[in-house]
Amino acid sequence: MDRRDIKDYLLAFSVLAVVLIVFVVILISVPYLFYLFFKIFFLTLQFGILFIIVFWLVIVLIAWTVKIISISRY
């Protein structure tokens, strides 16, 4: 009954490509916007060092929490 043309598939592919591009742009821009936001308020070298330390502390805490959760499942 319902016949699909190649136009429909091309339209779906183009929509999927646009969604993928938007997702990648958001994935890259959100952390950079947070960095710029904090850099505006703390324009010193100490902020750069503090940002790196806090960033890695947060990453380590997240990894540690995930590991504890995965261990506690067994």
N, C-alpha and C. Protein backbone atom coordinates (compact mmCIF):
# COMPACT_ATOMS: atom_id res chain seq x y z
N MET A 1 0.83 -1.19 0.00
CA MET A 1 0.00 0.00 0.00
C MET A 1 0.88 1.26 0.00
N ASP A 2 1.74 1.37 1.02
CA ASP A 2 2.57 2.56 1.16
C ASP A 2 3.94 2.30 0.54
N ARG A 3 4.23 2.99 -0.54
CA ARG A 3 5.49 2.78 -1.24
C ARG A 3 6.47 3.88 -0.86
N ARG A 4 7.66 3.46 -0.48
CA ARG A 4 8.67 4.44 -0.07
C ARG A 4 9.61 4.71 -1.24
N ASP A 5 9.87 5.96 -1.48
CA ASP A 5 10.79 6.38 -2.53
C ASP A 5 12.18 6.58 -1.97
N ILE A 6 13.13 6.77 -2.86
CA ILE A 6 14.49 7.07 -2.40
C ILE A 6 14.53 8.45 -1.76
N LYS A 7 13.58 9.33 -2.12
CA LYS A 7 13.53 10.66 -1.51
C LYS A 7 13.29 10.55 0.00
N ASP A 8 12.45 9.62 0.40
CA ASP A 8 12.16 9.44 1.82
C ASP A 8 13.41 9.00 2.58
N TYR A 9 14.15 8.07 1.97
CA TYR A 9 15.37 7.60 2.63
C TYR A 9 16.43 8.70 2.68
N LEU A 10 16.55 9.49 1.62
CA LEU A 10 17.51 10.60 1.62
C LEU A 10 17.12 11.65 2.66
N LEU A 11 15.83 11.92 2.78
CA LEU A 11 15.36 12.87 3.78
C LEU A 11 15.66 12.37 5.19
N ALA A 12 15.40 11.09 5.44
CA ALA A 12 15.68 10.52 6.76
C ALA A 12 17.18 10.54 7.05
N PHE A 13 18.00 10.23 6.05
CA PHE A 13 19.44 10.26 6.24
C PHE A 13 19.94 11.66 6.52
N SER A 14 19.40 12.66 5.81
CA SER A 14 19.84 14.04 6.03
C SER A 14 19.43 14.52 7.42
N VAL A 15 18.25 14.14 7.88
CA VAL A 15 17.81 14.52 9.23
C VAL A 15 18.72 13.86 10.27
N LEU A 16 19.04 12.58 10.06
CA LEU A 16 19.94 11.88 10.98
C LEU A 16 21.32 12.53 11.00
N ALA A 17 21.82 12.94 9.84
CA ALA A 17 23.13 13.60 9.76
C ALA A 17 23.11 14.93 10.51
N VAL A 18 22.04 15.70 10.35
CA VAL A 18 21.94 16.99 11.05
C VAL A 18 21.88 16.77 12.56
N VAL A 19 21.11 15.79 13.00
CA VAL A 19 21.02 15.49 14.44
C VAL A 19 22.38 15.07 14.98
N LEU A 20 23.11 14.26 14.23
CA LEU A 20 24.44 13.83 14.65
C LEU A 20 25.40 15.00 14.74
N ILE A 21 25.36 15.91 13.78
CA ILE A 21 26.23 17.08 13.81
C ILE A 21 25.89 17.96 15.00
N VAL A 22 24.61 18.17 15.26
CA VAL A 22 24.20 18.99 16.41
C VAL A 22 24.65 18.34 17.71
N PHE A 23 24.53 17.02 17.82
CA PHE A 23 24.96 16.32 19.02
C PHE A 23 26.46 16.49 19.25
N VAL A 24 27.26 16.36 18.21
CA VAL A 24 28.71 16.50 18.34
C VAL A 24 29.07 17.94 18.72
N VAL A 25 28.41 18.91 18.10
CA VAL A 25 28.69 20.31 18.42
C VAL A 25 28.35 20.61 19.88
N ILE A 26 27.22 20.11 20.36
CA ILE A 26 26.85 20.32 21.76
C ILE A 26 27.83 19.63 22.69
N LEU A 27 28.24 18.41 22.32
CA LEU A 27 29.18 17.65 23.14
C LEU A 27 30.51 18.39 23.29
N ILE A 28 30.93 19.10 22.25
CA ILE A 28 32.19 19.83 22.31
C ILE A 28 32.00 21.20 22.97
N SER A 29 30.89 21.87 22.68
CA SER A 29 30.76 23.26 23.11
C SER A 29 30.38 23.44 24.57
N VAL A 30 29.63 22.52 25.15
CA VAL A 30 29.18 22.70 26.54
C VAL A 30 30.35 22.75 27.52
N PRO A 31 31.29 21.80 27.50
CA PRO A 31 32.42 21.94 28.42
C PRO A 31 33.25 23.18 28.16
N TYR A 32 33.40 23.55 26.88
CA TYR A 32 34.17 24.75 26.55
C TYR A 32 33.47 26.00 27.06
N LEU A 33 32.15 26.03 26.99
CA LEU A 33 31.41 27.18 27.51
C LEU A 33 31.55 27.28 29.02
N PHE A 34 31.52 26.14 29.73
CA PHE A 34 31.77 26.17 31.17
C PHE A 34 33.17 26.70 31.46
N TYR A 35 34.15 26.25 30.69
CA TYR A 35 35.52 26.71 30.88
C TYR A 35 35.60 28.23 30.67
N LEU A 36 34.99 28.73 29.62
CA LEU A 36 35.02 30.17 29.36
C LEU A 36 34.29 30.94 30.45
N PHE A 37 33.17 30.39 30.92
CA PHE A 37 32.42 31.04 31.99
C PHE A 37 33.27 31.20 33.24
N PHE A 38 33.96 30.12 33.63
CA PHE A 38 34.81 30.20 34.81
C PHE A 38 36.04 31.06 34.56
N LYS A 39 36.56 31.06 33.35
CA LYS A 39 37.74 31.85 33.04
C LYS A 39 37.43 33.35 33.11
N ILE A 40 36.21 33.73 32.75
CA ILE A 40 35.83 35.14 32.83
C ILE A 40 35.88 35.61 34.28
N PHE A 41 35.44 34.77 35.21
CA PHE A 41 35.41 35.17 36.61
C PHE A 41 36.77 35.05 37.30
N PHE A 42 37.60 34.14 36.85
CA PHE A 42 38.90 33.92 37.50
C PHE A 42 40.00 34.00 36.45
N LEU A 43 40.43 35.21 36.12
CA LEU A 43 41.41 35.40 35.05
C LEU A 43 42.84 35.35 35.59
N THR A 44 43.21 34.26 36.20
CA THR A 44 44.56 34.14 36.71
C THR A 44 45.14 32.80 36.32
N LEU A 45 46.44 32.67 36.47
CA LEU A 45 47.11 31.39 36.23
C LEU A 45 46.69 30.38 37.28
N GLN A 46 46.43 30.86 38.48
CA GLN A 46 46.01 29.96 39.55
C GLN A 46 44.70 29.27 39.18
N PHE A 47 43.82 29.97 38.47
CA PHE A 47 42.58 29.34 38.06
C PHE A 47 42.84 28.20 37.10
N GLY A 48 43.77 28.38 36.18
CA GLY A 48 44.10 27.30 35.25
C GLY A 48 44.56 26.06 35.97
N ILE A 49 45.42 26.24 36.94
CA ILE A 49 45.92 25.11 37.73
C ILE A 49 44.77 24.50 38.54
N LEU A 50 43.98 25.36 39.17
CA LEU A 50 42.84 24.88 39.97
C LEU A 50 41.83 24.14 39.10
N PHE A 51 41.57 24.66 37.90
CA PHE A 51 40.62 24.02 37.00
C PHE A 51 41.08 22.62 36.62
N ILE A 52 42.35 22.48 36.32
CA ILE A 52 42.89 21.17 35.94
C ILE A 52 42.79 20.20 37.11
N ILE A 53 43.15 20.66 38.31
CA ILE A 53 43.09 19.78 39.49
C ILE A 53 41.66 19.36 39.78
N VAL A 54 40.74 20.31 39.78
CA VAL A 54 39.34 19.99 40.08
C VAL A 54 38.75 19.10 38.99
N PHE A 55 39.09 19.36 37.73
CA PHE A 55 38.60 18.54 36.64
C PHE A 55 39.00 17.08 36.83
N TRP A 56 40.28 16.84 37.13
CA TRP A 56 40.74 15.47 37.29
C TRP A 56 40.23 14.84 38.58
N LEU A 57 40.02 15.65 39.62
CA LEU A 57 39.41 15.11 40.84
C LEU A 57 37.99 14.63 40.57
N VAL A 58 37.24 15.41 39.81
CA VAL A 58 35.87 15.01 39.47
C VAL A 58 35.88 13.74 38.64
N ILE A 59 36.78 13.67 37.66
CA ILE A 59 36.87 12.47 36.82
C ILE A 59 37.23 11.25 37.67
N VAL A 60 38.20 11.40 38.58
CA VAL A 60 38.61 10.28 39.43
C VAL A 60 37.47 9.87 40.36
N LEU A 61 36.76 10.84 40.92
CA LEU A 61 35.64 10.52 41.81
C LEU A 61 34.52 9.79 41.06
N ILE A 62 34.24 10.21 39.84
CA ILE A 62 33.22 9.52 39.04
C ILE A 62 33.66 8.09 38.74
N ALA A 63 34.92 7.92 38.34
CA ALA A 63 35.43 6.58 38.03
C ALA A 63 35.41 5.70 39.28
N TRP A 64 35.78 6.28 40.41
CA TRP A 64 35.80 5.53 41.67
C TRP A 64 34.39 5.09 42.05
N THR A 65 33.42 6.00 41.90
CA THR A 65 32.03 5.68 42.21
C THR A 65 31.51 4.57 41.30
N VAL A 66 31.82 4.66 40.03
CA VAL A 66 31.38 3.62 39.09
C VAL A 66 32.00 2.28 39.46
N LYS A 67 33.27 2.28 39.85
CA LYS A 67 33.94 1.04 40.24
C LYS A 67 33.30 0.45 41.49
N ILE A 68 33.00 1.29 42.48
CA ILE A 68 32.36 0.81 43.70
C ILE A 68 30.98 0.24 43.39
N ILE A 69 30.24 0.91 42.52
CA ILE A 69 28.91 0.40 42.15
C ILE A 69 29.04 -0.94 41.44
N SER A 70 30.01 -1.06 40.55
CA SER A 70 30.16 -2.33 39.83
C SER A 70 30.63 -3.44 40.75
N ILE A 71 31.46 -3.13 41.75
CA ILE A 71 31.90 -4.15 42.71
C ILE A 71 30.73 -4.56 43.60
N SER A 72 29.91 -3.59 44.01
CA SER A 72 28.82 -3.90 44.93
C SER A 72 27.71 -4.71 44.27
N ARG A 73 27.68 -4.77 42.95
CA ARG A 73 26.66 -5.58 42.27
C ARG A 73 26.93 -7.06 42.45
N TYR A 74 28.19 -7.45 42.66
CA TYR A 74 28.53 -8.87 42.84
C TYR A 74 28.41 -9.20 44.26
